[in-house]
Amino acid sequence: MKTTFKTPFRFSIAIAFVFFSLQSFAQPRGMTMNQVYRQVDRQTNNANQRFQMQMSMNGNWRIGASEAEPYIVTLKDSIRKNLVSHMYHDTVLRKDFLVYVDDNFPTSDSTNHFKKIYPDQTLSITASQFDNFGAEVPLYGASTDTGWIFRVINGPITVYARSAGYLVPVGENLTGVPKMDFDLSEIIGIQTKDAPIEKLTKESLQKIIAGDAKAVKVLEKKGLYEAIKRYNDDHEKAN
């Protein structure tokens, strides 16, 4: 299968767009400009590493992979790895895996230059995300037989994902700030209280939030992610 990678020109345009957006939209609520620049720097560095990996790696690994995100992984031999990786899926072993670069081997030696990490090789895994005020907070994961599971939203409705790359831009608001929603391929499911984890769909969420008119309205206008946040906020305030 022939794989077509993004060209450096397209990559440069993408990076330029990030910085243009920073200048063109209002500062996010609660964030200082230093926090905004730190978030953009991280996104830029991640994009650069993603591009380098796309240019060098076996393109077949990219099929169904999430967006690349930074992870800190502790292996069972206590070695700690800081890496930026897509969450890949091994269709033979039916397991997710991460990839890191071993600089002891040249890029021409793709078998050894890129090393895979499977969940059963790890003691712990940590990613990160930003809270409502722009502060970076740890996102802890747990290994399973087939991958890792991250509790990405905690509250009356809890959301579980297979990777830290569980959000994707779906547009922008009137001030140019990107609007985000779930990448459903990265979502394992949702859970209310002690109920079983169930698949996240618009229909399954509608049943849960039916009694919250504001959350239902947000679901129709802004999508699943914002609706769950609104529902959780409303119910935490009520209690």
Protein backbone atom coordinates (compact mmCIF):
# COMPACT_ATOMS: atom_id res chain seq x y z
CA MET A 1 0.00 0.00 0.00
CA LYS A 2 1.43 3.34 -1.01
CA THR A 3 1.24 6.00 1.70
CA THR A 4 1.21 9.71 0.92
CA PHE A 5 2.65 11.94 3.62
CA LYS A 6 1.99 15.62 4.20
CA THR A 7 4.57 17.83 2.57
CA PRO A 8 6.81 20.26 4.52
CA PHE A 9 4.90 23.13 2.82
CA ARG A 10 1.59 21.98 4.28
CA PHE A 11 3.24 21.44 7.62
CA SER A 12 4.61 25.02 7.59
CA ILE A 13 1.16 26.39 6.79
CA ALA A 14 -0.28 24.47 9.74
CA ILE A 15 2.32 25.92 12.13
CA ALA A 16 1.76 29.42 10.76
CA PHE A 17 -1.97 29.02 11.33
CA VAL A 18 -1.38 28.21 15.01
CA PHE A 19 0.49 31.45 15.57
CA PHE A 20 -1.87 33.50 13.41
CA SER A 21 -4.77 32.17 15.47
CA LEU A 22 -3.01 33.20 18.68
CA GLN A 23 -2.87 36.78 17.43
CA SER A 24 -6.38 36.85 16.00
CA PHE A 25 -8.59 35.51 18.79
CA ALA A 26 -9.26 36.73 22.29
CA GLN A 27 -7.20 35.40 25.17
CA PRO A 28 -8.96 32.32 26.68
CA ARG A 29 -10.83 33.00 29.91
CA GLY A 30 -8.64 32.59 32.99
CA MET A 31 -5.40 32.05 31.04
CA THR A 32 -2.38 34.33 31.21
CA MET A 33 -0.53 35.03 27.99
CA ASN A 34 2.41 32.96 29.27
CA GLN A 35 0.06 29.99 29.60
CA VAL A 36 -1.30 30.61 26.11
CA TYR A 37 2.22 30.73 24.63
CA ARG A 38 3.22 27.60 26.58
CA GLN A 39 0.22 25.73 25.18
CA VAL A 40 1.05 26.85 21.64
CA ASP A 41 4.72 25.91 22.11
CA ARG A 42 3.71 22.41 23.17
CA GLN A 43 1.35 22.05 20.23
CA THR A 44 4.08 23.27 17.86
CA ASN A 45 6.68 20.87 19.25
CA ASN A 46 4.22 17.99 19.08
CA ALA A 47 3.34 18.85 15.49
CA ASN A 48 7.02 18.92 14.54
CA GLN A 49 7.65 15.51 16.07
CA ARG A 50 4.52 14.12 14.41
CA PHE A 51 5.75 15.37 11.05
CA GLN A 52 9.20 13.83 11.51
CA MET A 53 7.67 10.50 12.45
CA GLN A 54 5.29 10.59 9.50
CA MET A 55 8.22 11.19 7.15
CA SER A 56 10.22 8.26 8.53
CA MET A 57 7.87 5.59 9.79
CA ASN A 58 6.04 2.72 8.18
CA GLY A 59 2.85 4.44 7.01
CA ASN A 60 0.71 1.37 7.67
CA TRP A 61 1.05 1.98 11.41
CA ARG A 62 -0.83 5.26 10.92
CA ILE A 63 -4.08 3.55 9.93
CA GLY A 64 -6.61 4.30 12.68
CA ALA A 65 -4.01 6.02 14.87
CA SER A 66 -4.92 8.89 17.18
CA GLU A 67 -3.24 12.29 17.11
CA ALA A 68 0.27 12.24 18.63
CA GLU A 69 0.42 13.32 22.26
CA PRO A 70 3.16 13.48 24.93
CA TYR A 71 3.30 10.54 27.34
CA ILE A 72 5.47 9.56 30.29
CA VAL A 73 5.73 5.79 30.50
CA THR A 74 7.37 3.72 33.22
CA LEU A 75 8.34 0.28 31.97
CA LYS A 76 8.39 -2.86 34.10
CA ASP A 77 12.18 -2.65 34.36
CA SER A 78 11.63 0.82 35.95
CA ILE A 79 13.03 2.66 32.90
CA ARG A 80 11.09 5.88 32.30
CA LYS A 81 10.39 7.10 28.77
CA ASN A 82 9.26 10.59 27.78
CA LEU A 83 7.82 10.40 24.30
CA VAL A 84 5.40 11.90 21.82
CA SER A 85 3.47 9.24 19.98
CA HIS A 86 0.29 8.38 18.20
CA MET A 87 -1.73 5.62 19.81
CA TYR A 88 -1.33 2.83 17.27
CA HIS A 89 -3.18 -0.47 17.03
CA ASP A 90 -1.58 -3.80 16.25
CA THR A 91 -4.15 -5.65 14.14
CA VAL A 92 -2.37 -8.98 14.60
CA LEU A 93 -1.99 -8.90 18.40
CA ARG A 94 -5.12 -6.77 18.74
CA LYS A 95 -3.38 -4.42 21.14
CA ASP A 96 -2.66 -0.70 21.19
CA PHE A 97 0.95 0.44 21.33
CA LEU A 98 3.09 3.58 21.50
CA VAL A 99 6.30 4.28 19.62
CA TYR A 100 9.47 6.04 20.72
CA VAL A 101 12.69 6.86 18.88
CA ASP A 102 15.89 5.02 19.85
CA ASP A 103 18.71 7.32 18.75
CA ASN A 104 21.25 4.53 19.19
CA PHE A 105 20.13 3.35 15.76
CA PRO A 106 20.10 5.37 12.51
CA THR A 107 16.80 6.38 10.89
CA SER A 108 17.62 4.05 8.01
CA ASP A 109 17.30 1.13 10.46
CA SER A 110 13.55 1.57 10.95
CA THR A 111 13.19 -1.79 12.73
CA ASN A 112 15.38 -0.68 15.64
CA HIS A 113 15.15 3.11 15.37
CA PHE A 114 11.43 3.03 16.20
CA LYS A 115 10.57 0.96 19.28
CA LYS A 116 7.09 -0.18 20.25
CA ILE A 117 5.70 -0.14 23.78
CA TYR A 118 2.75 -2.42 24.56
CA PRO A 119 0.52 -2.05 27.64
CA ASP A 120 1.73 -5.27 29.27
CA GLN A 121 5.28 -3.82 29.29
CA THR A 122 4.31 -0.82 31.44
CA LEU A 123 3.88 -0.10 35.13
CA SER A 124 2.33 3.33 34.62
CA ILE A 125 1.44 5.87 31.96
CA THR A 126 0.75 9.59 32.30
CA ALA A 127 -0.36 12.13 29.72
CA SER A 128 -1.52 15.70 30.31
CA GLN A 129 -4.37 18.01 29.51
CA PHE A 130 -5.35 21.61 30.23
CA ASP A 131 -8.06 22.58 32.69
CA ASN A 132 -10.57 25.44 32.22
CA PHE A 133 -7.97 27.96 33.38
CA GLY A 134 -5.21 26.83 31.05
CA ALA A 135 -3.19 24.98 33.69
CA GLU A 136 -1.56 21.74 32.61
CA VAL A 137 -2.75 18.82 34.74
CA PRO A 138 -1.67 15.16 34.71
CA LEU A 139 -3.88 12.58 33.05
CA TYR A 140 -3.22 9.16 34.53
CA GLY A 141 -3.89 5.98 32.62
CA ALA A 142 -4.12 2.30 33.50
CA SER A 143 -3.07 -0.65 31.37
CA THR A 144 -5.52 -3.31 30.22
CA ASP A 145 -5.09 -6.49 28.20
CA THR A 146 -5.53 -4.62 24.93
CA GLY A 147 -4.39 -1.04 25.63
CA TRP A 148 -4.58 1.76 28.14
CA ILE A 149 -7.61 3.51 29.59
CA PHE A 150 -7.70 7.19 30.60
CA ARG A 151 -10.44 8.80 32.68
CA VAL A 152 -10.55 12.05 30.70
CA ILE A 153 -13.68 13.55 32.29
CA ASN A 154 -14.69 12.83 35.88
CA GLY A 155 -18.10 13.71 37.30
CA PRO A 156 -21.75 12.65 37.20
CA ILE A 157 -20.89 11.52 33.67
CA THR A 158 -17.42 9.99 33.49
CA VAL A 159 -15.72 9.60 30.13
CA TYR A 160 -13.03 7.01 29.36
CA ALA A 161 -10.65 7.18 26.39
CA ARG A 162 -7.96 4.94 24.90
CA SER A 163 -5.52 7.83 24.41
CA ALA A 164 -4.86 11.44 25.33
CA GLY A 165 -5.77 12.46 21.77
CA TYR A 166 -9.51 12.20 22.39
CA LEU A 167 -10.51 15.69 21.20
CA VAL A 168 -10.55 17.10 17.66
CA PRO A 169 -11.38 20.59 16.34
CA VAL A 170 -14.82 20.76 14.72
CA GLY A 171 -14.91 24.45 13.83
CA GLU A 172 -14.42 27.75 15.60
CA ASN A 173 -16.57 30.26 17.44
CA LEU A 174 -17.18 33.90 16.48
CA THR A 175 -13.87 35.04 18.03
CA GLY A 176 -11.88 32.40 16.16
CA VAL A 177 -11.30 30.07 19.11
CA PRO A 178 -11.40 26.41 17.98
CA LYS A 179 -14.43 24.38 19.07
CA MET A 180 -13.58 20.87 20.20
CA ASP A 181 -15.54 17.65 20.31
CA PHE A 182 -14.77 13.99 20.96
CA ASP A 183 -12.98 11.85 18.42
CA LEU A 184 -15.36 8.94 18.97
CA SER A 185 -12.81 6.43 17.70
CA GLU A 186 -10.74 7.31 20.80
CA ILE A 187 -13.60 7.09 23.30
CA ILE A 188 -14.06 3.80 25.15
CA GLY A 189 -17.35 4.81 26.75
CA ILE A 190 -19.21 6.78 29.40
CA GLN A 191 -20.41 5.87 32.87
CA THR A 192 -22.92 7.32 35.32
CA LYS A 193 -22.39 6.53 39.01
CA ASP A 194 -21.97 2.75 39.38
CA ALA A 195 -23.65 1.84 36.10
CA PRO A 196 -21.77 -0.20 33.50
CA ILE A 197 -19.66 1.66 30.95
CA GLU A 198 -21.67 2.18 27.77
CA LYS A 199 -20.85 3.39 24.27
CA LEU A 200 -20.97 7.15 23.78
CA THR A 201 -23.41 8.22 21.09
CA LYS A 202 -25.70 11.20 20.74
CA GLU A 203 -28.65 8.94 21.50
CA SER A 204 -27.12 7.38 24.63
CA LEU A 205 -26.17 10.81 25.95
CA GLN A 206 -29.61 12.25 25.24
CA LYS A 207 -31.18 9.64 27.52
CA ILE A 208 -28.85 10.57 30.38
CA ILE A 209 -29.19 14.36 30.13
CA ALA A 210 -32.90 14.45 29.19
CA GLY A 211 -33.81 16.13 32.49
CA ASP A 212 -31.32 18.98 32.01
CA ALA A 213 -32.80 21.34 29.39
CA LYS A 214 -29.65 23.48 29.21
CA ALA A 215 -27.40 20.49 28.60
CA VAL A 216 -29.79 19.20 25.91
CA LYS A 217 -29.61 22.59 24.18
CA VAL A 218 -25.81 22.55 24.35
CA LEU A 219 -25.78 19.05 22.85
CA GLU A 220 -27.72 20.26 19.80
CA LYS A 221 -25.62 23.39 19.30
CA LYS A 222 -22.12 22.46 20.45
CA GLY A 223 -21.84 18.67 20.51
CA LEU A 224 -21.13 15.81 22.92
CA TYR A 225 -18.08 17.22 24.71
CA GLU A 226 -19.63 20.55 25.68
CA ALA A 227 -22.92 18.87 26.61
CA ILE A 228 -21.22 16.52 29.07
CA LYS A 229 -19.24 19.38 30.60
CA ARG A 230 -22.42 21.44 30.98
CA TYR A 231 -24.37 18.55 32.50
CA ASN A 232 -21.58 17.81 34.99
CA ASP A 233 -21.29 21.48 35.95
CA ASP A 234 -25.06 21.82 36.44
CA HIS A 235 -25.30 18.73 38.63
CA GLU A 236 -22.24 19.55 40.73
CA LYS A 237 -23.65 23.02 41.42
CA ALA A 238 -27.02 21.54 42.37
CA ASN A 239 -25.36 19.24 44.88
